[in-house]
C-alpha atoms as a PDB file:
ATOM      1  CA  MET A   1      15.166 -16.136  55.899  1.00  0.00           C
ATOM      2  CA  ASN A   2      14.938 -12.949  53.865  1.00  0.00           C
ATOM      3  CA  HIS A   3      13.943 -13.945  50.299  1.00  0.00           C
ATOM      4  CA  GLY A   4      14.257 -10.414  48.980  1.00  0.00           C
ATOM      5  CA  SER A   5      18.063 -10.441  48.622  1.00  0.00           C
ATOM      6  CA  PHE A   6      21.073 -12.711  48.529  1.00  0.00           C
ATOM      7  CA  PRO A   7      23.850 -12.573  51.142  1.00  0.00           C
ATOM      8  CA  ALA A   8      26.948 -10.761  49.990  1.00  0.00           C
ATOM      9  CA  ASP A   9      29.630 -13.249  48.958  1.00  0.00           C
ATOM     10  CA  SER A  10      32.523 -12.294  46.716  1.00  0.00           C
ATOM     11  CA  ARG A  11      32.897 -15.943  45.707  1.00  0.00           C
ATOM     12  CA  SER A  12      29.328 -16.285  44.426  1.00  0.00           C
ATOM     13  CA  GLY A  13      29.844 -14.216  41.268  1.00  0.00           C
ATOM     14  CA  PRO A  14      27.471 -11.507  40.029  1.00  0.00           C
ATOM     15  CA  ARG A  15      24.223 -11.029  41.896  1.00  0.00           C
ATOM     16  CA  LEU A  16      20.978 -12.051  40.264  1.00  0.00           C
ATOM     17  CA  HIS A  17      17.421 -10.997  40.974  1.00  0.00           C
ATOM     18  CA  PRO A  18      15.968 -13.772  43.177  1.00  0.00           C
ATOM     19  CA  PHE A  19      13.339 -14.598  40.565  1.00  0.00           C
ATOM     20  CA  GLN A  20      15.545 -14.183  37.489  1.00  0.00           C
ATOM     21  CA  PRO A  21      17.081 -17.458  36.238  1.00  0.00           C
ATOM     22  CA  ALA A  22      20.644 -17.489  34.994  1.00  0.00           C
ATOM     23  CA  GLN A  23      20.883 -16.964  31.269  1.00  0.00           C
ATOM     24  CA  GLY A  24      21.402 -20.215  29.370  1.00  0.00           C
ATOM     25  CA  ASP A  25      23.206 -20.694  26.081  1.00  0.00           C
ATOM     26  CA  LEU A  26      21.230 -19.693  22.989  1.00  0.00           C
ATOM     27  CA  ALA A  27      19.796 -22.555  20.911  1.00  0.00           C
ATOM     28  CA  ILE A  28      17.907 -22.024  17.626  1.00  0.00           C
ATOM     29  CA  LEU A  29      15.897 -24.957  16.272  1.00  0.00           C
ATOM     30  CA  ALA A  30      14.224 -25.178  12.861  1.00  0.00           C
ATOM     31  CA  GLY A  31      10.904 -26.942  12.496  1.00  0.00           C
ATOM     32  CA  SER A  32       9.919 -28.327   9.109  1.00  0.00           C
ATOM     33  CA  ALA A  33       7.727 -25.294   8.255  1.00  0.00           C
ATOM     34  CA  ASN A  34      10.526 -22.679   8.026  1.00  0.00           C
ATOM     35  CA  PRO A  35      13.960 -24.314   7.581  1.00  0.00           C
ATOM     36  CA  MET A  36      15.380 -21.658   5.232  1.00  0.00           C
ATOM     37  CA  PHE A  37      13.976 -18.797   7.310  1.00  0.00           C
ATOM     38  CA  ALA A  38      15.467 -20.361  10.440  1.00  0.00           C
ATOM     39  CA  GLN A  39      18.853 -20.627   8.732  1.00  0.00           C
ATOM     40  CA  LYS A  40      18.722 -16.929   7.820  1.00  0.00           C
ATOM     41  CA  ILE A  41      17.978 -16.072  11.444  1.00  0.00           C
ATOM     42  CA  ALA A  42      20.853 -18.249  12.675  1.00  0.00           C
ATOM     43  CA  ASN A  43      23.207 -16.646  10.136  1.00  0.00           C
ATOM     44  CA  SER A  44      22.150 -13.175  11.287  1.00  0.00           C
ATOM     45  CA  LEU A  45      22.798 -14.133  14.913  1.00  0.00           C
ATOM     46  CA  GLY A  46      26.126 -15.760  14.052  1.00  0.00           C
ATOM     47  CA  VAL A  47      25.131 -19.119  15.558  1.00  0.00           C
ATOM     48  CA  ARG A  48      24.540 -22.582  14.128  1.00  0.00           C
ATOM     49  CA  LEU A  49      21.156 -24.272  14.115  1.00  0.00           C
ATOM     50  CA  THR A  50      20.754 -26.873  16.836  1.00  0.00           C
ATOM     51  CA  PRO A  51      20.455 -30.279  15.113  1.00  0.00           C
ATOM     52  CA  CYS A  52      16.942 -31.710  15.207  1.00  0.00           C
ATOM     53  CA  GLN A  53      14.725 -34.023  13.206  1.00  0.00           C
ATOM     54  CA  ALA A  54      11.063 -34.058  12.171  1.00  0.00           C
ATOM     55  CA  GLN A  55       9.585 -37.076  10.430  1.00  0.00           C
ATOM     56  CA  VAL A  56       6.096 -38.005   9.245  1.00  0.00           C
ATOM     57  CA  PHE A  57       5.374 -41.731   9.292  1.00  0.00           C
ATOM     58  CA  SER A  58       3.342 -43.463   6.590  1.00  0.00           C
ATOM     59  CA  GLU A  59       0.105 -43.314   8.576  1.00  0.00           C
ATOM     60  CA  GLY A  60       0.507 -39.554   9.212  1.00  0.00           C
ATOM     61  CA  ASN A  61       2.018 -39.514  12.701  1.00  0.00           C
ATOM     62  CA  VAL A  62       4.566 -36.747  13.332  1.00  0.00           C
ATOM     63  CA  PHE A  63       7.788 -37.562  15.190  1.00  0.00           C
ATOM     64  CA  VAL A  64      10.252 -34.901  16.414  1.00  0.00           C
ATOM     65  CA  ARG A  65      13.631 -35.301  18.106  1.00  0.00           C
ATOM     66  CA  ILE A  66      16.321 -32.902  19.294  1.00  0.00           C
ATOM     67  CA  LEU A  67      19.738 -34.266  18.394  1.00  0.00           C
ATOM     68  CA  GLU A  68      21.886 -32.566  21.039  1.00  0.00           C
ATOM     69  CA  ASN A  69      21.684 -31.580  24.696  1.00  0.00           C
ATOM     70  CA  VAL A  70      19.549 -28.487  25.403  1.00  0.00           C
ATOM     71  CA  ARG A  71      19.382 -28.830  29.183  1.00  0.00           C
ATOM     72  CA  GLY A  72      19.469 -25.381  30.769  1.00  0.00           C
ATOM     73  CA  ARG A  73      19.584 -23.576  27.401  1.00  0.00           C
ATOM     74  CA  ASP A  74      17.520 -20.629  26.142  1.00  0.00           C
ATOM     75  CA  THR A  75      15.723 -22.287  23.229  1.00  0.00           C
ATOM     76  CA  PHE A  76      13.821 -20.843  20.247  1.00  0.00           C
ATOM     77  CA  ILE A  77      11.836 -23.179  18.010  1.00  0.00           C
ATOM     78  CA  ILE A  78      11.030 -21.569  14.646  1.00  0.00           C
ATOM     79  CA  GLN A  79       7.854 -23.113  13.271  1.00  0.00           C
ATOM     80  CA  GLY A  80       5.208 -21.207  11.337  1.00  0.00           C
ATOM     81  CA  VAL A  81       1.552 -22.214  11.271  1.00  0.00           C
ATOM     82  CA  HIS A  82       0.813 -22.054   7.548  1.00  0.00           C
ATOM     83  CA  GLN A  83      -0.121 -24.609   4.880  1.00  0.00           C
ATOM     84  CA  PRO A  84      -0.385 -27.477   5.838  1.00  0.00           C
ATOM     85  CA  VAL A  85      -1.787 -25.585   8.817  1.00  0.00           C
ATOM     86  CA  ASN A  86      -2.828 -28.421  11.112  1.00  0.00           C
ATOM     87  CA  ASP A  87       0.316 -30.498  10.495  1.00  0.00           C
ATOM     88  CA  ASN A  88       2.548 -27.519  11.213  1.00  0.00           C
ATOM     89  CA  PHE A  89       0.586 -26.600  14.338  1.00  0.00           C
ATOM     90  CA  VAL A  90       0.731 -30.103  15.804  1.00  0.00           C
ATOM     91  CA  GLU A  91       4.450 -30.277  15.035  1.00  0.00           C
ATOM     92  CA  LEU A  92       4.921 -27.003  16.935  1.00  0.00           C
ATOM     93  CA  LEU A  93       3.224 -28.519  19.983  1.00  0.00           C
ATOM     94  CA  PHE A  94       5.479 -31.565  19.813  1.00  0.00           C
ATOM     95  CA  TRP A  95       8.618 -29.407  19.578  1.00  0.00           C
ATOM     96  CA  ILE A  96       7.573 -27.444  22.660  1.00  0.00           C
ATOM     97  CA  ASP A  97       6.891 -30.675  24.549  1.00  0.00           C
ATOM     98  CA  ALA A  98      10.224 -32.181  23.470  1.00  0.00           C
ATOM     99  CA  LEU A  99      12.125 -29.106  24.646  1.00  0.00           C
ATOM    100  CA  LYS A 100      10.276 -29.100  27.954  1.00  0.00           C
ATOM    101  CA  ARG A 101      11.062 -32.777  28.550  1.00  0.00           C
ATOM    102  CA  ALA A 102      14.688 -32.128  27.580  1.00  0.00           C
ATOM    103  CA  SER A 103      14.906 -29.589  30.444  1.00  0.00           C
ATOM    104  CA  ALA A 104      15.385 -26.470  28.333  1.00  0.00           C
ATOM    105  CA  GLN A 105      15.608 -23.416  30.571  1.00  0.00           C
ATOM    106  CA  GLN A 106      13.253 -21.272  28.481  1.00  0.00           C
ATOM    107  CA  ILE A 107      11.159 -22.200  25.433  1.00  0.00           C
ATOM    108  CA  THR A 108      10.135 -19.512  22.958  1.00  0.00           C
ATOM    109  CA  ALA A 109       7.827 -20.465  20.111  1.00  0.00           C
ATOM    110  CA  VAL A 110       8.810 -18.357  17.112  1.00  0.00           C
ATOM    111  CA  ILE A 111       5.740 -18.369  14.844  1.00  0.00           C
ATOM    112  CA  PRO A 112       6.435 -16.208  11.777  1.00  0.00           C
ATOM    113  CA  TYR A 113       2.842 -16.619  10.543  1.00  0.00           C
ATOM    114  CA  PHE A 114      -0.005 -17.779  12.786  1.00  0.00           C
ATOM    115  CA  SER A 115      -2.841 -18.775  10.443  1.00  0.00           C
ATOM    116  CA  TYR A 116      -5.451 -19.396  13.130  1.00  0.00           C
ATOM    117  CA  ALA A 117      -5.177 -15.754  14.203  1.00  0.00           C
ATOM    118  CA  LYS A 118      -8.079 -15.185  11.789  1.00  0.00           C
ATOM    119  CA  GLY A 119     -10.345 -17.098  14.188  1.00  0.00           C
ATOM    120  CA  ASP A 120     -10.310 -14.447  16.917  1.00  0.00           C
ATOM    121  CA  LYS A 121     -13.989 -14.006  17.788  1.00  0.00           C
ATOM    122  CA  LYS A 122     -17.426 -15.637  17.940  1.00  0.00           C
ATOM    123  CA  ASP A 123     -19.187 -13.585  15.273  1.00  0.00           C
ATOM    124  CA  GLU A 124     -21.628 -16.336  14.268  1.00  0.00           C
ATOM    125  CA  PRO A 125     -23.713 -18.778  16.320  1.00  0.00           C
ATOM    126  CA  ARG A 126     -22.110 -22.063  17.355  1.00  0.00           C
ATOM    127  CA  VAL A 127     -18.564 -21.429  16.086  1.00  0.00           C
ATOM    128  CA  SER A 128     -15.205 -21.966  17.752  1.00  0.00           C
ATOM    129  CA  ILE A 129     -12.823 -19.171  18.718  1.00  0.00           C
ATOM    130  CA  ARG A 130      -9.985 -21.048  17.082  1.00  0.00           C
ATOM    131  CA  ALA A 131      -7.171 -18.665  17.991  1.00  0.00           C
ATOM    132  CA  ARG A 132      -7.995 -19.048  21.686  1.00  0.00           C
ATOM    133  CA  VAL A 133      -8.039 -22.855  21.427  1.00  0.00           C
ATOM    134  CA  CYS A 134      -4.601 -22.761  19.757  1.00  0.00           C
ATOM    135  CA  ALA A 135      -3.233 -20.366  22.387  1.00  0.00           C
ATOM    136  CA  ASP A 136      -4.422 -22.694  25.157  1.00  0.00           C
ATOM    137  CA  ALA A 137      -2.826 -25.695  23.433  1.00  0.00           C
ATOM    138  CA  ILE A 138       0.525 -23.910  22.975  1.00  0.00           C
ATOM    139  CA  GLU A 139       0.597 -22.967  26.646  1.00  0.00           C
ATOM    140  CA  ALA A 140      -0.484 -26.445  27.765  1.00  0.00           C
ATOM    141  CA  ALA A 141       2.438 -27.904  25.792  1.00  0.00           C
ATOM    142  CA  GLY A 142       4.805 -25.885  27.982  1.00  0.00           C
ATOM    143  CA  VAL A 143       5.853 -22.728  26.118  1.00  0.00           C
ATOM    144  CA  ASP A 144       7.364 -19.844  28.101  1.00  0.00           C
ATOM    145  CA  ARG A 145       6.834 -17.088  25.547  1.00  0.00           C
ATOM    146  CA  VAL A 146       5.765 -16.505  21.944  1.00  0.00           C
ATOM    147  CA  LEU A 147       7.387 -14.415  19.204  1.00  0.00           C
ATOM    148  CA  THR A 148       5.273 -13.742  16.134  1.00  0.00           C
ATOM    149  CA  MET A 149       4.608 -11.158  13.427  1.00  0.00           C
ATOM    150  CA  ASP A 150       1.559  -9.197  12.296  1.00  0.00           C
ATOM    151  CA  LEU A 151      -1.243 -11.136  13.892  1.00  0.00           C
ATOM    152  CA  HIS A 152      -4.518 -10.649  12.032  1.00  0.00           C
ATOM    153  CA  SER A 153      -5.947  -9.307  15.290  1.00  0.00           C
ATOM    154  CA  PRO A 154      -3.374  -7.861  17.739  1.00  0.00           C
ATOM    155  CA  GLN A 155      -5.713  -8.533  20.685  1.00  0.00           C
ATOM    156  CA  ILE A 156      -4.866 -12.237  20.278  1.00  0.00           C
ATOM    157  CA  GLN A 157      -1.822 -11.441  22.404  1.00  0.00           C
ATOM    158  CA  GLY A 158      -4.325 -11.338  25.266  1.00  0.00           C
ATOM    159  CA  PHE A 159      -5.369 -14.938  24.590  1.00  0.00           C
ATOM    160  CA  PHE A 160      -2.016 -15.992  26.057  1.00  0.00           C
ATOM    161  CA  SER A 161      -1.108 -15.769  29.725  1.00  0.00           C
ATOM    162  CA  ARG A 162       2.548 -16.082  28.684  1.00  0.00           C
ATOM    163  CA  PRO A 163       4.450 -13.095  27.226  1.00  0.00           C
ATOM    164  CA  VAL A 164       3.924 -12.446  23.511  1.00  0.00           C
ATOM    165  CA  ASP A 165       6.372 -10.339  21.495  1.00  0.00           C
ATOM    166  CA  HIS A 166       4.523  -9.026  18.452  1.00  0.00           C
ATOM    167  CA  LEU A 167       6.677  -7.828  15.545  1.00  0.00           C
ATOM    168  CA  TYR A 168       5.556  -5.672  12.629  1.00  0.00           C
ATOM    169  CA  ALA A 169       6.826  -6.010   9.068  1.00  0.00           C
ATOM    170  CA  ARG A 170       5.920  -2.469   8.080  1.00  0.00           C
ATOM    171  CA  ALA A 171       9.239  -0.863   9.054  1.00  0.00           C
ATOM    172  CA  VAL A 172      11.180  -3.307   6.849  1.00  0.00           C
ATOM    173  CA  ILE A 173       8.682  -2.928   3.993  1.00  0.00           C
ATOM    174  CA  CYS A 174       8.687   0.874   4.247  1.00  0.00           C
ATOM    175  CA  ASP A 175      12.491   0.963   4.178  1.00  0.00           C
ATOM    176  CA  HIS A 176      12.295  -0.888   0.858  1.00  0.00           C
ATOM    177  CA  ILE A 177       9.551   1.377  -0.500  1.00  0.00           C
ATOM    178  CA  LYS A 178      11.648   4.441   0.331  1.00  0.00           C
ATOM    179  CA  THR A 179      14.424   3.195  -1.964  1.00  0.00           C
ATOM    180  CA  MET A 180      11.970   3.355  -4.890  1.00  0.00           C
ATOM    181  CA  ASN A 181      11.618   7.155  -4.551  1.00  0.00           C
ATOM    182  CA  LEU A 182       7.928   7.126  -5.479  1.00  0.00           C
ATOM    183  CA  ASP A 183       6.524  10.645  -5.712  1.00  0.00           C
ATOM    184  CA  ASN A 184       2.961  11.702  -4.923  1.00  0.00           C
ATOM    185  CA  LEU A 185       2.398   8.492  -2.926  1.00  0.00           C
ATOM    186  CA  VAL A 186      -0.585   7.570  -0.757  1.00  0.00           C
ATOM    187  CA  VAL A 187      -1.120   4.467   1.373  1.00  0.00           C
ATOM    188  CA  CYS A 188      -4.405   2.597   0.963  1.00  0.00           C
ATOM    189  CA  SER A 189      -6.027   0.230   3.445  1.00  0.00           C
ATOM    190  CA  PRO A 190      -8.308  -2.323   1.727  1.00  0.00           C
ATOM    191  CA  ASP A 191     -10.853  -2.010   4.559  1.00  0.00           C
ATOM    192  CA  ALA A 192     -11.606  -0.095   7.743  1.00  0.00           C
ATOM    193  CA  GLY A 193     -10.268  -2.949   9.881  1.00  0.00           C
ATOM    194  CA  PHE A 194      -6.706  -2.367   8.690  1.00  0.00           C
ATOM    195  CA  ALA A 195      -6.985   1.436   8.736  1.00  0.00           C
ATOM    196  CA  LYS A 196      -4.975   1.903  11.939  1.00  0.00           C
ATOM    197  CA  ALA A 197      -2.113  -0.228  10.643  1.00  0.00           C
ATOM    198  CA  ALA A 198      -2.264   1.568   7.268  1.00  0.00           C
ATOM    199  CA  ALA A 199      -1.948   4.857   9.126  1.00  0.00           C
ATOM    200  CA  ALA A 200       1.244   3.495  10.723  1.00  0.00           C
ATOM    201  CA  TYR A 201       2.588   2.709   7.229  1.00  0.00           C
ATOM    202  CA  ALA A 202       1.670   6.230   6.113  1.00  0.00           C
ATOM    203  CA  ASN A 203       3.390   7.703   9.173  1.00  0.00           C
ATOM    204  CA  LEU A 204       6.622   5.844   8.415  1.00  0.00           C
ATOM    205  CA  LEU A 205       6.502   7.022   4.794  1.00  0.00           C
ATOM    206  CA  SER A 206       5.269  10.545   5.669  1.00  0.00           C
ATOM    207  CA  VAL A 207       2.406  10.310   3.159  1.00  0.00           C
ATOM    208  CA  PRO A 208      -1.435  10.491   3.358  1.00  0.00           C
ATOM    209  CA  VAL A 209      -3.697   7.475   3.852  1.00  0.00           C
ATOM    210  CA  VAL A 210      -6.956   6.466   2.139  1.00  0.00           C
ATOM    211  CA  ILE A 211      -9.340   3.702   3.172  1.00  0.00           C
ATOM    212  CA  GLY A 212     -11.247   1.147   1.138  1.00  0.00           C
ATOM    213  CA  ASN A 213     -14.658  -0.169   2.089  1.00  0.00           C
ATOM    214  CA  LYS A 214     -15.290  -3.839   1.374  1.00  0.00           C
ATOM    215  CA  ALA A 215     -17.801  -6.469   2.414  1.00  0.00           C
ATOM    216  CA  ARG A 216     -17.542 -10.263   2.793  1.00  0.00           C
ATOM    217  CA  PRO A 217     -21.016 -11.799   2.431  1.00  0.00           C
ATOM    218  CA  ASP A 218     -19.840 -15.378   3.141  1.00  0.00           C
ATOM    219  CA  HIS A 219     -16.759 -17.617   3.676  1.00  0.00           C
ATOM    220  CA  SER A 220     -15.857 -17.866  -0.021  1.00  0.00           C
ATOM    221  CA  GLU A 221     -12.702 -15.721   0.548  1.00  0.00           C
ATOM    222  CA  GLN A 222     -14.059 -13.262  -2.029  1.00  0.00           C
ATOM    223  CA  ALA A 223     -14.708  -9.659  -0.991  1.00  0.00           C
ATOM    224  CA  GLU A 224     -16.712  -6.952  -2.712  1.00  0.00           C
ATOM    225  CA  ILE A 225     -15.062  -3.524  -2.887  1.00  0.00           C
ATOM    226  CA  LEU A 226     -17.715  -0.876  -2.270  1.00  0.00           C
ATOM    227  CA  GLU A 227     -15.917   2.470  -2.152  1.00  0.00           C
ATOM    228  CA  VAL A 228     -12.653   4.342  -1.509  1.00  0.00           C
ATOM    229  CA  ILE A 229     -12.571   7.029   1.166  1.00  0.00           C
ATOM    230  CA  GLY A 230     -10.003   9.656   0.169  1.00  0.00           C
ATOM    231  CA  HIS A 231      -8.440  11.133  -2.959  1.00  0.00           C
ATOM    232  CA  VAL A 232      -6.225   9.025  -5.236  1.00  0.00           C
ATOM    233  CA  ASP A 233      -6.566  10.925  -8.533  1.00  0.00           C
ATOM    234  CA  GLY A 234      -3.094  11.352 -10.027  1.00  0.00           C
ATOM    235  CA  LYS A 235      -1.476   9.540  -7.085  1.00  0.00           C
ATOM    236  CA  ASN A 236       0.778   6.517  -6.840  1.00  0.00           C
ATOM    237  CA  VAL A 237      -0.896   4.127  -4.406  1.00  0.00           C
ATOM    238  CA  LEU A 238       0.559   1.545  -2.026  1.00  0.00           C
ATOM    239  CA  MET A 239      -2.114  -0.911  -0.837  1.00  0.00           C
ATOM    240  CA  VAL A 240      -1.179  -2.595   2.451  1.00  0.00           C
ATOM    241  CA  ASP A 241      -2.605  -5.565   4.356  1.00  0.00           C
ATOM    242  CA  ASP A 242      -1.461  -8.199   6.830  1.00  0.00           C
ATOM    243  CA  PHE A 243      -1.923 -11.109   4.401  1.00  0.00           C
ATOM    244  CA  THR A 244      -3.504 -12.156   1.136  1.00  0.00           C
ATOM    245  CA  ILE A 245      -4.803 -15.606   0.227  1.00  0.00           C
ATOM    246  CA  THR A 246      -6.472 -15.402  -3.176  1.00  0.00           C
ATOM    247  CA  GLY A 247      -5.251 -11.902  -4.059  1.00  0.00           C
ATOM    248  CA  GLY A 248      -8.847 -11.085  -4.970  1.00  0.00           C
ATOM    249  CA  SER A 249      -9.338  -8.136  -2.621  1.00  0.00           C
ATOM    250  CA  LEU A 250      -6.106  -6.452  -3.690  1.00  0.00           C
ATOM    251  CA  CYS A 251      -6.818  -6.974  -7.391  1.00  0.00           C
ATOM    252  CA  SER A 252     -10.383  -5.671  -7.047  1.00  0.00           C
ATOM    253  CA  MET A 253      -9.175  -2.697  -5.042  1.00  0.00           C
ATOM    254  CA  ALA A 254      -6.610  -1.928  -7.746  1.00  0.00           C
ATOM    255  CA  GLU A 255      -9.416  -1.766 -10.307  1.00  0.00           C
ATOM    256  CA  VAL A 256     -11.416   0.639  -8.160  1.00  0.00           C
ATOM    257  CA  LEU A 257      -8.337   2.801  -7.569  1.00  0.00           C
ATOM    258  CA  LYS A 258      -7.694   2.982 -11.331  1.00  0.00           C
ATOM    259  CA  GLU A 259     -11.301   4.035 -11.873  1.00  0.00           C
ATOM    260  CA  ARG A 260     -10.690   6.840  -9.361  1.00  0.00           C
ATOM    261  CA  GLY A 261      -7.697   8.073 -11.366  1.00  0.00           C
ATOM    262  CA  ALA A 262      -4.753   6.459  -9.565  1.00  0.00           C
ATOM    263  CA  LYS A 263      -1.430   6.194 -11.425  1.00  0.00           C
ATOM    264  CA  ASP A 264       0.812   3.231 -10.537  1.00  0.00           C
ATOM    265  CA  ILE A 265      -0.573   0.821  -7.951  1.00  0.00           C
ATOM    266  CA  TYR A 266       1.595  -1.262  -5.644  1.00  0.00           C
ATOM    267  CA  ALA A 267       0.711  -3.715  -2.891  1.00  0.00           C
ATOM    268  CA  ALA A 268       2.514  -4.891   0.238  1.00  0.00           C
ATOM    269  CA  VAL A 269       1.497  -7.678   2.626  1.00  0.00           C
ATOM    270  CA  SER A 270       3.253  -9.123   5.635  1.00  0.00           C
ATOM    271  CA  HIS A 271       2.325 -12.723   4.809  1.00  0.00           C
ATOM    272  CA  GLY A 272       1.940 -14.084   1.288  1.00  0.00           C
ATOM    273  CA  VAL A 273      -0.357 -17.039   1.980  1.00  0.00           C
ATOM    274  CA  LEU A 274      -1.265 -17.293  -1.747  1.00  0.00           C
ATOM    275  CA  SER A 275      -3.592 -20.171  -2.546  1.00  0.00           C
ATOM    276  CA  ALA A 276      -3.605 -21.861  -5.961  1.00  0.00           C
ATOM    277  CA  GLY A 277      -4.274 -19.354  -8.728  1.00  0.00           C
ATOM    278  CA  ALA A 278      -3.360 -16.289  -6.647  1.00  0.00           C
ATOM    279  CA  ALA A 279       0.011 -15.658  -8.344  1.00  0.00           C
ATOM    280  CA  ALA A 280      -1.576 -15.734 -11.814  1.00  0.00           C
ATOM    281  CA  ARG A 281      -4.362 -13.430 -10.626  1.00  0.00           C
ATOM    282  CA  ILE A 282      -1.831 -10.899  -9.357  1.00  0.00           C
ATOM    283  CA  GLN A 283       0.275 -11.176 -12.522  1.00  0.00           C
ATOM    284  CA  ASN A 284      -2.774 -10.349 -14.670  1.00  0.00           C
ATOM    285  CA  SER A 285      -4.004  -7.535 -12.422  1.00  0.00           C
ATOM    286  CA  LEU A 286      -3.480  -3.769 -12.466  1.00  0.00           C
ATOM    287  CA  ILE A 287      -0.961  -4.106  -9.610  1.00  0.00           C
ATOM    288  CA  ARG A 288       2.468  -3.055 -10.853  1.00  0.00           C
ATOM    289  CA  LYS A 289       4.414  -4.765  -8.047  1.00  0.00           C
ATOM    290  CA  MET A 290       3.495  -6.664  -4.890  1.00  0.00           C
ATOM    291  CA  PHE A 291       5.864  -6.992  -1.951  1.00  0.00           C
ATOM    292  CA  MET A 292       5.622  -9.673   0.716  1.00  0.00           C
ATOM    293  CA  THR A 293       7.931 -11.020   3.409  1.00  0.00           C
ATOM    294  CA  ASP A 294       9.506 -14.465   3.686  1.00  0.00           C
ATOM    295  CA  THR A 295       7.508 -15.645   6.723  1.00  0.00           C
ATOM    296  CA  ILE A 296       5.990 -18.334   4.466  1.00  0.00           C
ATOM    297  CA  GLU A 297       8.635 -20.054   2.371  1.00  0.00           C
ATOM    298  CA  SER A 298       6.702 -22.903   0.739  1.00  0.00           C
ATOM    299  CA  PRO A 299       4.151 -21.436  -1.693  1.00  0.00           C
ATOM    300  CA  VAL A 300       1.675 -23.835  -3.256  1.00  0.00           C
ATOM    301  CA  GLU A 301       2.826 -22.705  -6.710  1.00  0.00           C
ATOM    302  CA  PRO A 302       5.675 -20.581  -8.158  1.00  0.00           C
ATOM    303  CA  LEU A 303       5.542 -16.839  -7.592  1.00  0.00           C
ATOM    304  CA  CYS A 304       4.931 -14.524 -10.536  1.00  0.00           C
ATOM    305  CA  GLU A 305       7.223 -11.779 -11.850  1.00  0.00           C
ATOM    306  CA  LYS A 306       5.224  -9.045 -10.113  1.00  0.00           C
ATOM    307  CA  ILE A 307       5.850 -10.489  -6.650  1.00  0.00           C
ATOM    308  CA  GLU A 308       9.001  -9.483  -4.768  1.00  0.00           C
ATOM    309  CA  VAL A 309      10.005 -11.068  -1.447  1.00  0.00           C
ATOM    310  CA  ILE A 310      11.535  -8.935   1.310  1.00  0.00           C
ATOM    311  CA  SER A 311      13.242 -10.763   4.170  1.00  0.00           C
ATOM    312  CA  VAL A 312      12.344 -10.077   7.799  1.00  0.00           C
ATOM    313  CA  ALA A 313      14.771 -12.700   9.139  1.00  0.00           C
ATOM    314  CA  ASN A 314      17.103 -10.017  10.490  1.00  0.00           C
ATOM    315  CA  LEU A 315      14.212  -8.413  12.389  1.00  0.00           C
ATOM    316  CA  PHE A 316      13.370 -11.757  13.998  1.00  0.00           C
ATOM    317  CA  ALA A 317      17.059 -12.260  14.787  1.00  0.00           C
ATOM    318  CA  GLN A 318      17.212  -8.888  16.538  1.00  0.00           C
ATOM    319  CA  ALA A 319      14.105  -9.770  18.552  1.00  0.00           C
ATOM    320  CA  ILE A 320      15.563 -13.142  19.541  1.00  0.00           C
ATOM    321  CA  ARG A 321      18.791 -11.445  20.606  1.00  0.00           C
ATOM    322  CA  SER A 322      16.807  -8.970  22.722  1.00  0.00           C
ATOM    323  CA  ILE A 323      14.801 -11.755  24.373  1.00  0.00           C
ATOM    324  CA  HIS A 324      17.961 -13.761  25.047  1.00  0.00           C
ATOM    325  CA  ASP A 325      19.843 -10.738  26.416  1.00  0.00           C
ATOM    326  CA  ARG A 326      16.836  -9.592  28.499  1.00  0.00           C
ATOM    327  CA  THR A 327      16.598  -6.244  26.712  1.00  0.00           C
ATOM    328  CA  SER A 328      13.543  -4.467  25.342  1.00  0.00           C
ATOM    329  CA  VAL A 329      12.079  -5.764  22.077  1.00  0.00           C
ATOM    330  CA  SER A 330      10.133  -2.506  21.703  1.00  0.00           C
ATOM    331  CA  MET A 331      13.453  -0.753  21.095  1.00  0.00           C
ATOM    332  CA  LEU A 332      13.311  -2.274  17.598  1.00  0.00           C
ATOM    333  CA  PHE A 333      10.493   0.151  16.777  1.00  0.00           C
ATOM    334  CA  PRO A 334      11.725   3.599  17.870  1.00  0.00           C
ATOM    335  CA  ASP A 335       9.579   5.446  15.298  1.00  0.00           C
ATOM    336  CA  ASP A 336       6.444   3.301  15.492  1.00  0.00           C
ATOM    337  CA  LYS A 337       3.832   4.513  17.966  1.00  0.00           C
ATOM    338  CA  GLN A 338       1.676   1.469  17.229  1.00  0.00           C
ATOM    339  CA  THR A 339       3.932  -0.894  19.231  1.00  0.00           C
END
């Protein structure tokens, strides 16, 4: 038998590639980490959320259940891996397993923020490469593909043998910055590691880029700002990074930029992780305004007046639609050479 084609038959309907499964109905499920974000995505797609339930028993066990039939459907479970990190990660694994056992046609793990992406290398003796362990666990649970945003290290996509669609928040953030009509603007990376991404921000805004130089002597989450490479005297500055936890690096960088003659200083991060005390630190800093996305919707404490949240739910919705329709996700970034 020739497996390379199907016999012509007018009664069989449209032809399919022999290795391409028929497209199932779209199903969006919300894990307990991102219920509001999931609802925004569903609203943008014009679909309802598939009913499901997550429960934590008194001894700490997590129980998940899908409350309607998903057999043969194209399923997307939206579950970020943020605080409480381990609980949210284990719940994600259970959702994937539940969907697999319910005979979903395709399972996409939508992870708005993947905290363990910070553990991408063995840079000290006798440490775990945590991101790789998590990638292996997600695949072992039965995922077919992963959709995420602004991984701390983009090479983590290579930790998966399944397809990974990697979104970037910068286009949405830059669209918002453009509405502010800031003149004499420069983009600032807080360190050399984020310089390439900062250059992409600068390209979208058509402005120059400067680079900070910082050092982290230990795991205290406190960085020392050493120098700024580039001219900021008389400039408005937009500091950019993939996430902030304590806000310390951004606040320290703002002080150095002011010493170098910068005018108004803004900050933008993809993920506002924000540990206890971070909002107050930002409120009392030289940062005029900080922008972050809504990938993390349960902050440990209320946000301050200086923090503004920009939604990327529509971007995720467009990516989900592209995955479901078998079209190119990269088409969402026509002006971004980084993707």
